[in-house]
C-alpha cells in the first residue's frame, strides 16, 4: 500500500523539491552547454537543477 502511494505521489509530482534545486550557483563549463535560449555557453555560467535537468544561464561579470 505504501509503495502504491509513493508511486502516485511521483506521478502527480507531489514530492517536494530538494533545497538545492532552486539555487543558482556559478559553474565552470569545459564542454559547451545549451542555455535557456538554446545558445551554446562556455566558461563560467549560472547553473541550477529544476528537478529533472540542469538549466544554464550566461554569466556576465559584475564590475562593481
PDB file of N, CA and C in Angstrom:
ATOM      1  N   UNK A   1       0.826  -1.188   0.000  1.00  0.00           N
ATOM      2  CA  UNK A   1       0.000   0.000   0.000  1.00  0.00           C
ATOM      3  C   UNK A   1       0.874   1.257   0.000  1.00  0.00           C
ATOM      4  N   UNK A   2       1.910   1.276   0.830  1.00  0.00           N
ATOM      5  CA  UNK A   2       2.789   2.438   0.912  1.00  0.00           C
ATOM      6  C   UNK A   2       3.528   2.662  -0.404  1.00  0.00           C
ATOM      7  N   UNK A   3       3.945   1.589  -1.044  1.00  0.00           N
ATOM      8  CA  UNK A   3       4.638   1.691  -2.331  1.00  0.00           C
ATOM      9  C   UNK A   3       3.714   2.284  -3.383  1.00  0.00           C
ATOM     10  N   UNK A   4       2.465   1.889  -3.367  1.00  0.00           N
ATOM     11  CA  UNK A   4       1.487   2.418  -4.320  1.00  0.00           C
ATOM     12  C   UNK A   4       1.274   3.915  -4.108  1.00  0.00           C
ATOM     13  N   UNK A   5       1.216   4.370  -2.864  1.00  0.00           N
ATOM     14  CA  UNK A   5       1.062   5.792  -2.568  1.00  0.00           C
ATOM     15  C   UNK A   5       2.267   6.594  -3.052  1.00  0.00           C
ATOM     16  N   UNK A   6       3.463   6.060  -2.858  1.00  0.00           N
ATOM     17  CA  UNK A   6       4.666   6.738  -3.341  1.00  0.00           C
ATOM     18  C   UNK A   6       4.656   6.855  -4.861  1.00  0.00           C
ATOM     19  N   UNK A   7       4.191   5.816  -5.531  1.00  0.00           N
ATOM     20  CA  UNK A   7       4.129   5.836  -6.989  1.00  0.00           C
ATOM     21  C   UNK A   7       3.165   6.923  -7.477  1.00  0.00           C
ATOM     22  N   UNK A   8       2.012   7.044  -6.836  1.00  0.00           N
ATOM     23  CA  UNK A   8       1.053   8.090  -7.221  1.00  0.00           C
ATOM     24  C   UNK A   8       1.606   9.477  -6.924  1.00  0.00           C
ATOM     25  N   UNK A   9       2.313   9.626  -5.817  1.00  0.00           N
ATOM     26  CA  UNK A   9       2.934  10.915  -5.499  1.00  0.00           C
ATOM     27  C   UNK A   9       3.966  11.294  -6.547  1.00  0.00           C
ATOM     28  N   UNK A  10       4.741  10.311  -6.996  1.00  0.00           N
ATOM     29  CA  UNK A  10       5.742  10.574  -8.019  1.00  0.00           C
ATOM     30  C   UNK A  10       5.088  10.955  -9.348  1.00  0.00           C
ATOM     31  N   UNK A  11       4.048  10.232  -9.736  1.00  0.00           N
ATOM     32  CA  UNK A  11       3.355  10.502 -10.992  1.00  0.00           C
ATOM     33  C   UNK A  11       2.715  11.890 -10.972  1.00  0.00           C
ATOM     34  N   UNK A  12       2.114  12.264  -9.868  1.00  0.00           N
ATOM     35  CA  UNK A  12       1.432  13.554  -9.773  1.00  0.00           C
ATOM     36  C   UNK A  12       2.371  14.704  -9.461  1.00  0.00           C
ATOM     37  N   UNK A  13       3.621  14.401  -9.166  1.00  0.00           N
ATOM     38  CA  UNK A  13       4.589  15.448  -8.873  1.00  0.00           C
ATOM     39  C   UNK A  13       4.380  16.090  -7.514  1.00  0.00           C
ATOM     40  N   UNK A  14       3.931  15.329  -6.529  1.00  0.00           N
ATOM     41  CA  UNK A  14       3.642  15.868  -5.207  1.00  0.00           C
ATOM     42  C   UNK A  14       4.848  15.863  -4.276  1.00  0.00           C
ATOM     43  N   UNK A  15       5.925  15.242  -4.692  1.00  0.00           N
ATOM     44  CA  UNK A  15       7.114  15.210  -3.842  1.00  0.00           C
ATOM     45  C   UNK A  15       7.771  16.585  -3.824  1.00  0.00           C
ATOM     46  N   UNK A  16       8.160  17.063  -2.647  1.00  0.00           N
ATOM     47  CA  UNK A  16       8.800  18.391  -2.599  1.00  0.00           C
ATOM     48  C   UNK A  16      10.180  18.352  -3.251  1.00  0.00           C
ATOM     49  N   UNK A  17      10.565  19.495  -3.849  1.00  0.00           N
ATOM     50  CA  UNK A  17      11.884  19.597  -4.464  1.00  0.00           C
ATOM     51  C   UNK A  17      12.941  19.699  -3.379  1.00  0.00           C
ATOM     52  N   UNK A  18      14.134  19.186  -3.642  1.00  0.00           N
ATOM     53  CA  UNK A  18      15.222  19.358  -2.678  1.00  0.00           C
ATOM     54  C   UNK A  18      15.585  20.833  -2.552  1.00  0.00           C
ATOM     55  N   UNK A  19      16.194  21.213  -1.452  1.00  0.00           N
ATOM     56  CA  UNK A  19      16.517  22.618  -1.193  1.00  0.00           C
ATOM     57  C   UNK A  19      17.467  23.179  -2.236  1.00  0.00           C
ATOM     58  N   UNK A  20      18.379  22.374  -2.759  1.00  0.00           N
ATOM     59  CA  UNK A  20      19.358  22.865  -3.726  1.00  0.00           C
ATOM     60  C   UNK A  20      18.787  23.010  -5.123  1.00  0.00           C
ATOM     61  N   UNK A  21      17.557  22.543  -5.348  1.00  0.00           N
ATOM     62  CA  UNK A  21      17.004  22.509  -6.701  1.00  0.00           C
ATOM     63  C   UNK A  21      16.707  23.888  -7.274  1.00  0.00           C
ATOM     64  N   UNK A  22      16.499  24.890  -6.445  1.00  0.00           N
ATOM     65  CA  UNK A  22      16.146  26.206  -6.955  1.00  0.00           C
ATOM     66  C   UNK A  22      17.241  27.239  -6.733  1.00  0.00           C
ATOM     67  N   UNK A  23      18.447  26.794  -6.407  1.00  0.00           N
ATOM     68  CA  UNK A  23      19.542  27.713  -6.117  1.00  0.00           C
ATOM     69  C   UNK A  23      20.457  27.803  -7.335  1.00  0.00           C
ATOM     70  N   UNK A  24      20.705  29.036  -7.812  1.00  0.00           N
ATOM     71  CA  UNK A  24      21.662  29.254  -8.895  1.00  0.00           C
ATOM     72  C   UNK A  24      23.061  29.287  -8.301  1.00  0.00           C
ATOM     73  N   UNK A  25      24.027  28.658  -8.941  1.00  0.00           N
ATOM     74  CA  UNK A  25      25.402  28.704  -8.497  1.00  0.00           C
ATOM     75  C   UNK A  25      26.317  28.792  -9.718  1.00  0.00           C
ATOM     76  N   UNK A  26      27.504  29.389  -9.517  1.00  0.00           N
ATOM     77  CA  UNK A  26      28.461  29.517 -10.609  1.00  0.00           C
ATOM     78  C   UNK A  26      29.095  28.166 -10.906  1.00  0.00           C
ATOM     79  N   UNK A  27      29.262  27.888 -12.181  1.00  0.00           N
ATOM     80  CA  UNK A  27      29.790  26.613 -12.608  1.00  0.00           C
ATOM     81  C   UNK A  27      30.711  26.858 -13.791  1.00  0.00           C
ATOM     82  N   UNK A  28      31.852  26.214 -13.807  1.00  0.00           N
ATOM     83  CA  UNK A  28      32.766  26.336 -14.937  1.00  0.00           C
ATOM     84  C   UNK A  28      32.473  25.232 -15.941  1.00  0.00           C
ATOM     85  N   UNK A  29      32.156  25.630 -17.170  1.00  0.00           N
ATOM     86  CA  UNK A  29      31.797  24.680 -18.218  1.00  0.00           C
ATOM     87  C   UNK A  29      32.977  24.500 -19.155  1.00  0.00           C
ATOM     88  N   UNK A  30      33.430  23.276 -19.301  1.00  0.00           N
ATOM     89  CA  UNK A  30      34.512  22.966 -20.224  1.00  0.00           C
ATOM     90  C   UNK A  30      33.923  22.502 -21.559  1.00  0.00           C
ATOM     91  N   UNK A  31      32.933  21.635 -21.506  1.00  0.00           N
ATOM     92  CA  UNK A  31      32.221  21.175 -22.703  1.00  0.00           C
ATOM     93  C   UNK A  31      31.039  22.116 -22.903  1.00  0.00           C
ATOM     94  N   UNK A  32      30.820  22.657 -24.112  1.00  0.00           N
ATOM     95  CA  UNK A  32      29.716  23.602 -24.337  1.00  0.00           C
ATOM     96  C   UNK A  32      28.356  23.035 -23.921  1.00  0.00           C
ATOM     97  N   UNK A  33      27.526  23.896 -23.352  1.00  0.00           N
ATOM     98  CA  UNK A  33      26.177  23.521 -22.919  1.00  0.00           C
ATOM     99  C   UNK A  33      25.169  24.481 -23.523  1.00  0.00           C
ATOM    100  N   UNK A  34      23.923  24.065 -23.628  1.00  0.00           N
ATOM    101  CA  UNK A  34      22.863  24.905 -24.163  1.00  0.00           C
ATOM    102  C   UNK A  34      22.254  25.748 -23.053  1.00  0.00           C
ATOM    103  N   UNK A  35      22.037  27.041 -23.332  1.00  0.00           N
ATOM    104  CA  UNK A  35      21.420  27.935 -22.352  1.00  0.00           C
ATOM    105  C   UNK A  35      19.905  27.795 -22.418  1.00  0.00           C
ATOM    106  N   UNK A  36      19.207  28.592 -21.624  1.00  0.00           N
ATOM    107  CA  UNK A  36      17.746  28.608 -21.631  1.00  0.00           C
ATOM    108  C   UNK A  36      17.232  28.974 -23.022  1.00  0.00           C
ATOM    109  N   UNK A  37      17.936  29.882 -23.700  1.00  0.00           N
ATOM    110  CA  UNK A  37      17.518  30.337 -25.032  1.00  0.00           C
ATOM    111  C   UNK A  37      18.029  29.439 -26.147  1.00  0.00           C
ATOM    112  N   UNK A  38      18.827  28.427 -25.824  1.00  0.00           N
ATOM    113  CA  UNK A  38      19.312  27.489 -26.817  1.00  0.00           C
ATOM    114  C   UNK A  38      20.695  27.798 -27.352  1.00  0.00           C
ATOM    115  N   UNK A  39      21.316  28.887 -26.904  1.00  0.00           N
ATOM    116  CA  UNK A  39      22.658  29.225 -27.351  1.00  0.00           C
ATOM    117  C   UNK A  39      23.682  28.371 -26.614  1.00  0.00           C
ATOM    118  N   UNK A  40      24.847  28.194 -27.234  1.00  0.00           N
ATOM    119  CA  UNK A  40      25.925  27.447 -26.591  1.00  0.00           C
ATOM    120  C   UNK A  40      26.674  28.347 -25.629  1.00  0.00           C
ATOM    121  N   UNK A  41      26.994  27.814 -24.457  1.00  0.00           N
ATOM    122  CA  UNK A  41      27.721  28.551 -23.436  1.00  0.00           C
ATOM    123  C   UNK A  41      29.003  27.811 -23.092  1.00  0.00           C
ATOM    124  N   UNK A  42      30.045  28.578 -22.805  1.00  0.00           N
ATOM    125  CA  UNK A  42      31.290  28.013 -22.305  1.00  0.00           C
ATOM    126  C   UNK A  42      31.813  28.930 -21.221  1.00  0.00           C
ATOM    127  N   UNK A  43      32.835  28.509 -20.483  1.00  0.00           N
ATOM    128  CA  UNK A  43      33.394  29.326 -19.414  1.00  0.00           C
ATOM    129  C   UNK A  43      32.553  29.230 -18.157  1.00  0.00           C
ATOM    130  N   UNK A  44      32.430  30.343 -17.433  1.00  0.00           N
ATOM    131  CA  UNK A  44      31.618  30.345 -16.211  1.00  0.00           C
ATOM    132  C   UNK A  44      30.167  30.669 -16.548  1.00  0.00           C
ATOM    133  N   UNK A  45      29.250  29.886 -15.992  1.00  0.00           N
ATOM    134  CA  UNK A  45      27.818  30.066 -16.222  1.00  0.00           C
ATOM    135  C   UNK A  45      27.075  29.900 -14.901  1.00  0.00           C
ATOM    136  N   UNK A  46      25.842  30.389 -14.861  1.00  0.00           N
ATOM    137  CA  UNK A  46      24.941  30.111 -13.741  1.00  0.00           C
ATOM    138  C   UNK A  46      24.261  28.794 -14.053  1.00  0.00           C
ATOM    139  N   UNK A  47      24.118  27.954 -13.024  1.00  0.00           N
ATOM    140  CA  UNK A  47      23.514  26.646 -13.222  1.00  0.00           C
ATOM    141  C   UNK A  47      22.595  26.337 -12.063  1.00  0.00           C
ATOM    142  N   UNK A  48      21.455  25.713 -12.357  1.00  0.00           N
ATOM    143  CA  UNK A  48      20.566  25.205 -11.311  1.00  0.00           C
ATOM    144  C   UNK A  48      19.842  23.980 -11.835  1.00  0.00           C
ATOM    145  N   UNK A  49      19.319  23.208 -10.935  1.00  0.00           N
ATOM    146  CA  UNK A  49      18.604  21.981 -11.288  1.00  0.00           C
ATOM    147  C   UNK A  49      17.122  22.202 -11.060  1.00  0.00           C
ATOM    148  N   UNK A  50      16.292  21.855 -12.034  1.00  0.00           N
ATOM    149  CA  UNK A  50      14.851  22.063 -11.890  1.00  0.00           C
ATOM    150  C   UNK A  50      14.120  20.813 -11.429  1.00  0.00           C
ATOM    151  N   UNK A  51      14.854  19.807 -10.988  1.00  0.00           N
ATOM    152  CA  UNK A  51      14.247  18.563 -10.548  1.00  0.00           C
ATOM    153  C   UNK A  51      14.366  17.467 -11.587  1.00  0.00           C
ATOM    154  N   UNK A  52      14.524  17.851 -12.866  1.00  0.00           N
ATOM    155  CA  UNK A  52      14.679  16.878 -13.937  1.00  0.00           C
ATOM    156  C   UNK A  52      15.989  17.041 -14.687  1.00  0.00           C
ATOM    157  N   UNK A  53      16.421  18.293 -14.876  1.00  0.00           N
ATOM    158  CA  UNK A  53      17.611  18.539 -15.671  1.00  0.00           C
ATOM    159  C   UNK A  53      18.301  19.810 -15.208  1.00  0.00           C
ATOM    160  N   UNK A  54      19.526  20.033 -15.688  1.00  0.00           N
ATOM    161  CA  UNK A  54      20.264  21.235 -15.358  1.00  0.00           C
ATOM    162  C   UNK A  54      19.887  22.343 -16.331  1.00  0.00           C
ATOM    163  N   UNK A  55      19.753  23.565 -15.811  1.00  0.00           N
ATOM    164  CA  UNK A  55      19.455  24.747 -16.606  1.00  0.00           C
ATOM    165  C   UNK A  55      20.649  25.682 -16.490  1.00  0.00           C
ATOM    166  N   UNK A  56      21.078  26.236 -17.618  1.00  0.00           N
ATOM    167  CA  UNK A  56      22.246  27.099 -17.658  1.00  0.00           C
ATOM    168  C   UNK A  56      21.857  28.496 -18.125  1.00  0.00           C
ATOM    169  N   UNK A  57      22.492  29.519 -17.525  1.00  0.00           N
ATOM    170  CA  UNK A  57      22.328  30.910 -17.939  1.00  0.00           C
ATOM    171  C   UNK A  57      23.716  31.534 -18.066  1.00  0.00           C
ATOM    172  N   UNK A  58      23.833  32.466 -18.998  1.00  0.00           N
ATOM    173  CA  UNK A  58      25.120  33.129 -19.215  1.00  0.00           C
ATOM    174  C   UNK A  58      25.489  33.957 -17.996  1.00  0.00           C
ATOM    175  N   UNK A  59      26.761  33.887 -17.623  1.00  0.00           N
ATOM    176  CA  UNK A  59      27.283  34.679 -16.513  1.00  0.00           C
ATOM    177  C   UNK A  59      27.987  35.898 -17.091  1.00  0.00           C
ATOM    178  N   UNK A  60      27.555  37.090 -16.683  1.00  0.00           N
ATOM    179  CA  UNK A  60      28.240  38.310 -17.066  1.00  0.00           C
ATOM    180  C   UNK A  60      28.913  38.861 -15.820  1.00  0.00           C
ATOM    181  N   UNK A  61      30.185  39.161 -15.941  1.00  0.00           N
ATOM    182  CA  UNK A  61      30.977  39.588 -14.797  1.00  0.00           C
ATOM    183  C   UNK A  61      30.477  40.913 -14.250  1.00  0.00           C
ATOM    184  N   UNK A  62      30.416  41.003 -12.940  1.00  0.00           N
ATOM    185  CA  UNK A  62      29.970  42.222 -12.253  1.00  0.00           C
ATOM    186  C   UNK A  62      31.166  43.133 -12.053  1.00  0.00           C
ATOM    187  N   UNK A  63      31.087  44.331 -12.579  1.00  0.00           N
ATOM    188  CA  UNK A  63      32.152  45.322 -12.406  1.00  0.00           C
ATOM    189  C   UNK A  63      31.681  46.372 -11.408  1.00  0.00           C
ATOM    190  N   UNK A  64      31.913  46.104 -10.139  1.00  0.00           N
ATOM    191  CA  UNK A  64      31.449  46.965  -9.058  1.00  0.00           C
ATOM    192  C   UNK A  64      32.106  48.295  -9.078  1.00  0.00           C
TER     193      UNK A  64
END
